[in-house]
Amino acid sequence: MFNLPKSTLIQKVVPKNAFDAYTNTKQKKAFAEKIQRITWLNKISFETINLKDAEIKEIQIFKVELKEKIEINDIVNIIDKAIPYHIIFLIYFNNEFYISTSVKHLHPNDEDKAVIDYTFKSVWLSIDNNPYTVELKNDLDWVFQNFCEQLKTVNTNASNIWELVQTQKQDDSLRKEIEKVKSEIARCKQFNIKVELNIKLKRLEKSLTSNFKSQN
């Protein structure tokens, strides 16, 4: 998918029950019913590509093959929290895939677990149409931020990954507020209040337009 060096190759199937310690009965069932196979494809680290690390020590690439075309946010979160390294998930169904990757930090009371700060995702794409790249330059922090930058939906030149996350969260909050106001307009019966809500909606949409960066 990303034409990474052979030195990064792992190509190891990860048993679905490897995450049993992190799941309840319902979640175990979801792993069994929704996932065909999990494969650890690549490991990007100082040992495999000789790039320095700082906050980010390792980037792993996992391929998740599905039994049906669905998004598996909850399952991805379980895997992400169980592994204290940053992961780029390639989630496949037949000839389509989407990408999910999370910015995260180690749990303050358990270094074997991670806390998710924000998840970047792509739309579903054809496997023949992958616009995303993993550029192996500078250091591991730069590699991961550069990848997340490709998935962002806002116009920003963030100086670091945390600034990018904060800007993206603000954008998400704005989108939720727009949907909330639209629902209020649809329910509203009073003309004067409806006018005020429409003015508020236009103001919010203008703010969103100035921030929006469409995904390829």
C-alpha atoms as a PDB file:
ATOM      1  CA  MET A   1       0.000   0.000   0.000  1.00  0.00           C
ATOM      2  CA  PHE A   2       2.739   2.508   0.949  1.00  0.00           C
ATOM      3  CA  ASN A   3       5.778   0.921  -0.730  1.00  0.00           C
ATOM      4  CA  LEU A   4       7.727   0.841   2.514  1.00  0.00           C
ATOM      5  CA  PRO A   5      11.237  -0.639   2.756  1.00  0.00           C
ATOM      6  CA  LYS A   6      11.572  -4.389   3.247  1.00  0.00           C
ATOM      7  CA  SER A   7      13.279  -3.709   6.562  1.00  0.00           C
ATOM      8  CA  THR A   8       9.885  -2.637   7.979  1.00  0.00           C
ATOM      9  CA  LEU A   9       8.025  -5.812   6.959  1.00  0.00           C
ATOM     10  CA  ILE A  10       6.406  -7.950   9.652  1.00  0.00           C
ATOM     11  CA  GLN A  11       3.528  -9.728   7.815  1.00  0.00           C
ATOM     12  CA  LYS A  12       2.278 -11.477  10.948  1.00  0.00           C
ATOM     13  CA  VAL A  13      -1.321 -12.532  11.561  1.00  0.00           C
ATOM     14  CA  VAL A  14      -2.579 -11.296  14.935  1.00  0.00           C
ATOM     15  CA  PRO A  15      -5.120 -13.652  16.566  1.00  0.00           C
ATOM     16  CA  LYS A  16      -8.416 -11.946  17.327  1.00  0.00           C
ATOM     17  CA  ASN A  17      -8.366 -13.402  20.822  1.00  0.00           C
ATOM     18  CA  ALA A  18      -5.110 -11.528  21.517  1.00  0.00           C
ATOM     19  CA  PHE A  19      -7.331  -8.680  22.698  1.00  0.00           C
ATOM     20  CA  ASP A  20      -9.624 -10.740  24.940  1.00  0.00           C
ATOM     21  CA  ALA A  21      -8.151  -9.169  28.083  1.00  0.00           C
ATOM     22  CA  TYR A  22      -9.359  -5.764  26.859  1.00  0.00           C
ATOM     23  CA  THR A  23     -12.890  -6.773  25.837  1.00  0.00           C
ATOM     24  CA  ASN A  24     -16.202  -7.747  27.380  1.00  0.00           C
ATOM     25  CA  THR A  25     -18.467 -10.494  26.037  1.00  0.00           C
ATOM     26  CA  LYS A  26     -20.246  -8.194  23.588  1.00  0.00           C
ATOM     27  CA  GLN A  27     -16.958  -6.859  22.222  1.00  0.00           C
ATOM     28  CA  LYS A  28     -15.488 -10.355  21.819  1.00  0.00           C
ATOM     29  CA  LYS A  29     -18.550 -11.239  19.768  1.00  0.00           C
ATOM     30  CA  ALA A  30     -18.008  -8.154  17.587  1.00  0.00           C
ATOM     31  CA  PHE A  31     -14.422  -9.219  16.875  1.00  0.00           C
ATOM     32  CA  ALA A  32     -15.640 -12.663  15.817  1.00  0.00           C
ATOM     33  CA  GLU A  33     -18.610 -11.493  13.741  1.00  0.00           C
ATOM     34  CA  LYS A  34     -17.116  -8.477  11.975  1.00  0.00           C
ATOM     35  CA  ILE A  35     -13.430  -9.267  11.436  1.00  0.00           C
ATOM     36  CA  GLN A  36     -12.015 -11.844   9.055  1.00  0.00           C
ATOM     37  CA  ARG A  37      -8.327 -11.325   9.792  1.00  0.00           C
ATOM     38  CA  ILE A  38      -5.903  -8.902  11.442  1.00  0.00           C
ATOM     39  CA  THR A  39      -2.380  -8.674  10.022  1.00  0.00           C
ATOM     40  CA  TRP A  40       0.536  -6.685  11.419  1.00  0.00           C
ATOM     41  CA  LEU A  41       2.108  -5.484   8.164  1.00  0.00           C
ATOM     42  CA  ASN A  42       4.904  -3.080   9.062  1.00  0.00           C
ATOM     43  CA  LYS A  43       6.907  -1.651  11.913  1.00  0.00           C
ATOM     44  CA  ILE A  44       8.400   1.823  11.425  1.00  0.00           C
ATOM     45  CA  SER A  45      11.009   2.553  14.075  1.00  0.00           C
ATOM     46  CA  PHE A  46      14.629   3.593  14.560  1.00  0.00           C
ATOM     47  CA  GLU A  47      15.620  -0.079  14.265  1.00  0.00           C
ATOM     48  CA  THR A  48      13.844  -0.583  10.920  1.00  0.00           C
ATOM     49  CA  ILE A  49      14.400   2.726   9.099  1.00  0.00           C
ATOM     50  CA  ASN A  50      17.067   4.531  11.155  1.00  0.00           C
ATOM     51  CA  LEU A  51      14.969   7.638  11.792  1.00  0.00           C
ATOM     52  CA  LYS A  52      15.167   9.334  15.176  1.00  0.00           C
ATOM     53  CA  ASP A  53      12.268   9.137  17.596  1.00  0.00           C
ATOM     54  CA  ALA A  54      11.059  11.721  20.103  1.00  0.00           C
ATOM     55  CA  GLU A  55       7.521  11.451  21.519  1.00  0.00           C
ATOM     56  CA  ILE A  56       6.653   8.729  19.014  1.00  0.00           C
ATOM     57  CA  LYS A  57       8.819   5.635  19.393  1.00  0.00           C
ATOM     58  CA  GLU A  58       7.206   3.395  16.803  1.00  0.00           C
ATOM     59  CA  ILE A  59       4.527   3.435  14.090  1.00  0.00           C
ATOM     60  CA  GLN A  60       2.822   0.157  13.227  1.00  0.00           C
ATOM     61  CA  ILE A  61       0.640  -0.611  10.224  1.00  0.00           C
ATOM     62  CA  PHE A  62      -2.218  -3.064  10.677  1.00  0.00           C
ATOM     63  CA  LYS A  63      -4.441  -4.509   7.974  1.00  0.00           C
ATOM     64  CA  VAL A  64      -7.943  -5.430   9.144  1.00  0.00           C
ATOM     65  CA  GLU A  65     -10.061  -7.494   6.749  1.00  0.00           C
ATOM     66  CA  LEU A  66     -13.825  -7.296   7.315  1.00  0.00           C
ATOM     67  CA  LYS A  67     -16.654  -9.756   6.752  1.00  0.00           C
ATOM     68  CA  GLU A  68     -18.958  -6.910   5.659  1.00  0.00           C
ATOM     69  CA  LYS A  69     -18.553  -3.279   4.635  1.00  0.00           C
ATOM     70  CA  ILE A  70     -18.919  -1.424   7.914  1.00  0.00           C
ATOM     71  CA  GLU A  71     -16.894   0.999   9.996  1.00  0.00           C
ATOM     72  CA  ILE A  72     -15.433  -0.600  13.118  1.00  0.00           C
ATOM     73  CA  ASN A  73     -14.577   2.393  15.280  1.00  0.00           C
ATOM     74  CA  ASP A  74     -15.186   0.585  18.586  1.00  0.00           C
ATOM     75  CA  ILE A  75     -13.018  -2.387  17.621  1.00  0.00           C
ATOM     76  CA  VAL A  76     -10.210  -0.160  16.347  1.00  0.00           C
ATOM     77  CA  ASN A  77     -10.305   1.756  19.645  1.00  0.00           C
ATOM     78  CA  ILE A  78      -9.881  -1.476  21.606  1.00  0.00           C
ATOM     79  CA  ILE A  79      -6.811  -2.451  19.588  1.00  0.00           C
ATOM     80  CA  ASP A  80      -5.441   1.089  19.768  1.00  0.00           C
ATOM     81  CA  LYS A  81      -5.747   1.244  23.560  1.00  0.00           C
ATOM     82  CA  ALA A  82      -4.177  -2.204  23.976  1.00  0.00           C
ATOM     83  CA  ILE A  83      -1.032  -1.316  22.020  1.00  0.00           C
ATOM     84  CA  PRO A  84       1.043   1.624  23.332  1.00  0.00           C
ATOM     85  CA  TYR A  85       2.446   2.485  19.895  1.00  0.00           C
ATOM     86  CA  HIS A  86       0.864   4.562  17.136  1.00  0.00           C
ATOM     87  CA  ILE A  87      -0.980   2.475  14.550  1.00  0.00           C
ATOM     88  CA  ILE A  88      -2.138   3.166  11.008  1.00  0.00           C
ATOM     89  CA  PHE A  89      -5.110   0.887  10.311  1.00  0.00           C
ATOM     90  CA  LEU A  90      -5.924  -0.160   6.746  1.00  0.00           C
ATOM     91  CA  ILE A  91      -9.464  -1.518   6.982  1.00  0.00           C
ATOM     92  CA  TYR A  92     -10.490  -3.614   3.990  1.00  0.00           C
ATOM     93  CA  PHE A  93     -13.628  -5.094   2.525  1.00  0.00           C
ATOM     94  CA  ASN A  94     -13.202  -6.696  -0.916  1.00  0.00           C
ATOM     95  CA  ASN A  95     -11.673  -4.029  -3.185  1.00  0.00           C
ATOM     96  CA  GLU A  96     -12.325  -1.092  -0.876  1.00  0.00           C
ATOM     97  CA  PHE A  97     -10.642   0.251   2.230  1.00  0.00           C
ATOM     98  CA  TYR A  98     -10.549   3.163   4.630  1.00  0.00           C
ATOM     99  CA  ILE A  99      -7.789   4.422   6.906  1.00  0.00           C
ATOM    100  CA  SER A 100      -7.976   5.145  10.615  1.00  0.00           C
ATOM    101  CA  THR A 101      -5.176   6.371  12.856  1.00  0.00           C
ATOM    102  CA  SER A 102      -5.184   7.892  16.326  1.00  0.00           C
ATOM    103  CA  VAL A 103      -3.069  10.399  18.175  1.00  0.00           C
ATOM    104  CA  LYS A 104      -2.593   8.972  21.656  1.00  0.00           C
ATOM    105  CA  HIS A 105      -0.456   9.009  24.786  1.00  0.00           C
ATOM    106  CA  LEU A 106       0.481   6.447  27.403  1.00  0.00           C
ATOM    107  CA  HIS A 107      -1.934   5.892  30.267  1.00  0.00           C
ATOM    108  CA  PRO A 108      -0.469   7.688  33.325  1.00  0.00           C
ATOM    109  CA  ASN A 109      -1.039   4.644  35.558  1.00  0.00           C
ATOM    110  CA  ASP A 110      -0.326   1.854  33.066  1.00  0.00           C
ATOM    111  CA  GLU A 111       2.384   2.174  30.404  1.00  0.00           C
ATOM    112  CA  ASP A 112       1.057  -0.945  28.660  1.00  0.00           C
ATOM    113  CA  LYS A 113      -2.133   0.918  27.743  1.00  0.00           C
ATOM    114  CA  ALA A 114      -2.828   4.024  25.691  1.00  0.00           C
ATOM    115  CA  VAL A 115      -5.287   6.912  25.918  1.00  0.00           C
ATOM    116  CA  ILE A 116      -6.747   8.081  22.594  1.00  0.00           C
ATOM    117  CA  ASP A 117      -6.705  11.850  22.053  1.00  0.00           C
ATOM    118  CA  TYR A 118      -8.134  12.040  18.535  1.00  0.00           C
ATOM    119  CA  THR A 119      -8.825   9.731  15.583  1.00  0.00           C
ATOM    120  CA  PHE A 120      -8.283  10.742  11.961  1.00  0.00           C
ATOM    121  CA  LYS A 121     -10.165   8.761   9.307  1.00  0.00           C
ATOM    122  CA  SER A 122     -10.513   8.672   5.553  1.00  0.00           C
ATOM    123  CA  VAL A 123     -13.588   7.902   3.504  1.00  0.00           C
ATOM    124  CA  TRP A 124     -13.991   4.508   1.800  1.00  0.00           C
ATOM    125  CA  LEU A 125     -11.715   4.261  -1.242  1.00  0.00           C
ATOM    126  CA  SER A 126     -10.904   1.796  -3.979  1.00  0.00           C
ATOM    127  CA  ILE A 127      -7.672  -0.118  -3.345  1.00  0.00           C
ATOM    128  CA  ASP A 128      -6.530   1.191  -6.743  1.00  0.00           C
ATOM    129  CA  ASN A 129      -7.018   4.778  -5.620  1.00  0.00           C
ATOM    130  CA  ASN A 130      -4.902   5.415  -2.538  1.00  0.00           C
ATOM    131  CA  PRO A 131      -3.977   9.123  -2.280  1.00  0.00           C
ATOM    132  CA  TYR A 132      -2.131   8.709   1.029  1.00  0.00           C
ATOM    133  CA  THR A 133       1.599   8.227   1.541  1.00  0.00           C
ATOM    134  CA  VAL A 134       3.940   7.479   4.417  1.00  0.00           C
ATOM    135  CA  GLU A 135       6.936   9.756   3.924  1.00  0.00           C
ATOM    136  CA  LEU A 136      10.039   8.558   5.750  1.00  0.00           C
ATOM    137  CA  LYS A 137      11.782  11.853   6.485  1.00  0.00           C
ATOM    138  CA  ASN A 138      13.213  13.827   9.413  1.00  0.00           C
ATOM    139  CA  ASP A 139      12.036  11.832  12.456  1.00  0.00           C
ATOM    140  CA  LEU A 140       9.158   9.575  13.555  1.00  0.00           C
ATOM    141  CA  ASP A 141       7.173  12.465  15.019  1.00  0.00           C
ATOM    142  CA  TRP A 142       7.318  14.229  11.644  1.00  0.00           C
ATOM    143  CA  VAL A 143       6.360  11.029   9.771  1.00  0.00           C
ATOM    144  CA  PHE A 144       3.227  10.534  11.861  1.00  0.00           C
ATOM    145  CA  GLN A 145       2.160  14.189  11.861  1.00  0.00           C
ATOM    146  CA  ASN A 146       2.630  14.352   8.097  1.00  0.00           C
ATOM    147  CA  PHE A 147       0.356  11.324   7.695  1.00  0.00           C
ATOM    148  CA  CYS A 148      -2.326  12.826   9.952  1.00  0.00           C
ATOM    149  CA  GLU A 149      -2.086  16.094   8.008  1.00  0.00           C
ATOM    150  CA  GLN A 150      -3.197  14.173   4.915  1.00  0.00           C
ATOM    151  CA  LEU A 151      -6.377  13.092   6.747  1.00  0.00           C
ATOM    152  CA  LYS A 152      -7.299  16.431   8.324  1.00  0.00           C
ATOM    153  CA  THR A 153     -10.438  18.339   7.311  1.00  0.00           C
ATOM    154  CA  VAL A 154      -9.306  21.836   8.295  1.00  0.00           C
ATOM    155  CA  ASN A 155      -6.999  24.401   6.751  1.00  0.00           C
ATOM    156  CA  THR A 156      -4.188  24.757   9.267  1.00  0.00           C
ATOM    157  CA  ASN A 157      -0.429  24.716   9.329  1.00  0.00           C
ATOM    158  CA  ALA A 158       0.004  23.164  12.758  1.00  0.00           C
ATOM    159  CA  SER A 159       3.435  23.402  14.315  1.00  0.00           C
ATOM    160  CA  ASN A 160       2.954  20.070  16.096  1.00  0.00           C
ATOM    161  CA  ILE A 161       0.536  17.153  16.331  1.00  0.00           C
ATOM    162  CA  TRP A 162      -1.201  18.534  19.434  1.00  0.00           C
ATOM    163  CA  GLU A 163      -1.994  21.819  17.712  1.00  0.00           C
ATOM    164  CA  LEU A 164      -3.433  19.844  14.800  1.00  0.00           C
ATOM    165  CA  VAL A 165      -5.607  17.790  17.165  1.00  0.00           C
ATOM    166  CA  GLN A 166      -6.897  20.890  18.939  1.00  0.00           C
ATOM    167  CA  THR A 167      -7.819  22.589  15.647  1.00  0.00           C
ATOM    168  CA  GLN A 168      -9.531  19.446  14.385  1.00  0.00           C
ATOM    169  CA  LYS A 169     -11.535  19.099  17.618  1.00  0.00           C
ATOM    170  CA  GLN A 170     -12.737  22.695  17.268  1.00  0.00           C
ATOM    171  CA  ASP A 171     -13.836  21.951  13.703  1.00  0.00           C
ATOM    172  CA  ASP A 172     -15.726  18.836  14.838  1.00  0.00           C
ATOM    173  CA  SER A 173     -17.444  20.844  17.559  1.00  0.00           C
ATOM    174  CA  LEU A 174     -18.513  23.450  14.996  1.00  0.00           C
ATOM    175  CA  ARG A 175     -20.013  20.763  12.758  1.00  0.00           C
ATOM    176  CA  LYS A 176     -21.988  19.309  15.678  1.00  0.00           C
ATOM    177  CA  GLU A 177     -23.311  22.754  16.571  1.00  0.00           C
ATOM    178  CA  ILE A 178     -24.458  23.266  12.961  1.00  0.00           C
ATOM    179  CA  GLU A 179     -26.387  19.992  13.019  1.00  0.00           C
ATOM    180  CA  LYS A 180     -27.946  20.928  16.360  1.00  0.00           C
ATOM    181  CA  VAL A 181     -29.143  24.308  15.019  1.00  0.00           C
ATOM    182  CA  LYS A 182     -30.548  22.661  11.874  1.00  0.00           C
ATOM    183  CA  SER A 183     -32.588  20.308  14.078  1.00  0.00           C
ATOM    184  CA  GLU A 184     -33.854  23.241  16.141  1.00  0.00           C
ATOM    185  CA  ILE A 185     -34.933  25.055  12.963  1.00  0.00           C
ATOM    186  CA  ALA A 186     -36.807  21.980  11.740  1.00  0.00           C
ATOM    187  CA  ARG A 187     -38.727  21.733  15.040  1.00  0.00           C
ATOM    188  CA  CYS A 188     -39.306  25.458  15.556  1.00  0.00           C
ATOM    189  CA  LYS A 189     -42.843  26.802  15.023  1.00  0.00           C
ATOM    190  CA  GLN A 190     -42.302  30.461  16.012  1.00  0.00           C
ATOM    191  CA  PHE A 191     -41.328  32.682  13.078  1.00  0.00           C
ATOM    192  CA  ASN A 192     -39.182  35.189  15.016  1.00  0.00           C
ATOM    193  CA  ILE A 193     -37.165  32.440  16.748  1.00  0.00           C
ATOM    194  CA  LYS A 194     -36.741  30.624  13.440  1.00  0.00           C
ATOM    195  CA  VAL A 195     -35.288  33.800  11.902  1.00  0.00           C
ATOM    196  CA  GLU A 196     -32.766  34.079  14.750  1.00  0.00           C
ATOM    197  CA  LEU A 197     -31.791  30.427  14.362  1.00  0.00           C
ATOM    198  CA  ASN A 198     -31.260  30.865  10.616  1.00  0.00           C
ATOM    199  CA  ILE A 199     -28.989  33.851  11.253  1.00  0.00           C
ATOM    200  CA  LYS A 200     -27.023  31.746  13.746  1.00  0.00           C
ATOM    201  CA  LEU A 201     -26.810  28.883  11.234  1.00  0.00           C
ATOM    202  CA  LYS A 202     -25.417  31.135   8.500  1.00  0.00           C
ATOM    203  CA  ARG A 203     -22.796  32.485  10.891  1.00  0.00           C
ATOM    204  CA  LEU A 204     -21.708  28.953  11.870  1.00  0.00           C
ATOM    205  CA  GLU A 205     -21.622  27.765   8.263  1.00  0.00           C
ATOM    206  CA  LYS A 206     -19.486  30.763   7.303  1.00  0.00           C
ATOM    207  CA  SER A 207     -17.012  29.818  10.028  1.00  0.00           C
ATOM    208  CA  LEU A 208     -16.965  26.237   8.819  1.00  0.00           C
ATOM    209  CA  THR A 209     -16.393  27.277   5.190  1.00  0.00           C
ATOM    210  CA  SER A 210     -13.337  29.281   6.192  1.00  0.00           C
ATOM    211  CA  ASN A 211     -11.876  26.244   7.974  1.00  0.00           C
ATOM    212  CA  PHE A 212     -12.958  23.457   5.693  1.00  0.00           C
ATOM    213  CA  LYS A 213     -10.479  21.470   3.641  1.00  0.00           C
ATOM    214  CA  SER A 214     -12.176  18.773   1.562  1.00  0.00           C
ATOM    215  CA  GLN A 215     -10.648  15.298   1.585  1.00  0.00           C
ATOM    216  CA  ASN A 216      -9.430  13.890  -1.719  1.00  0.00           C
END
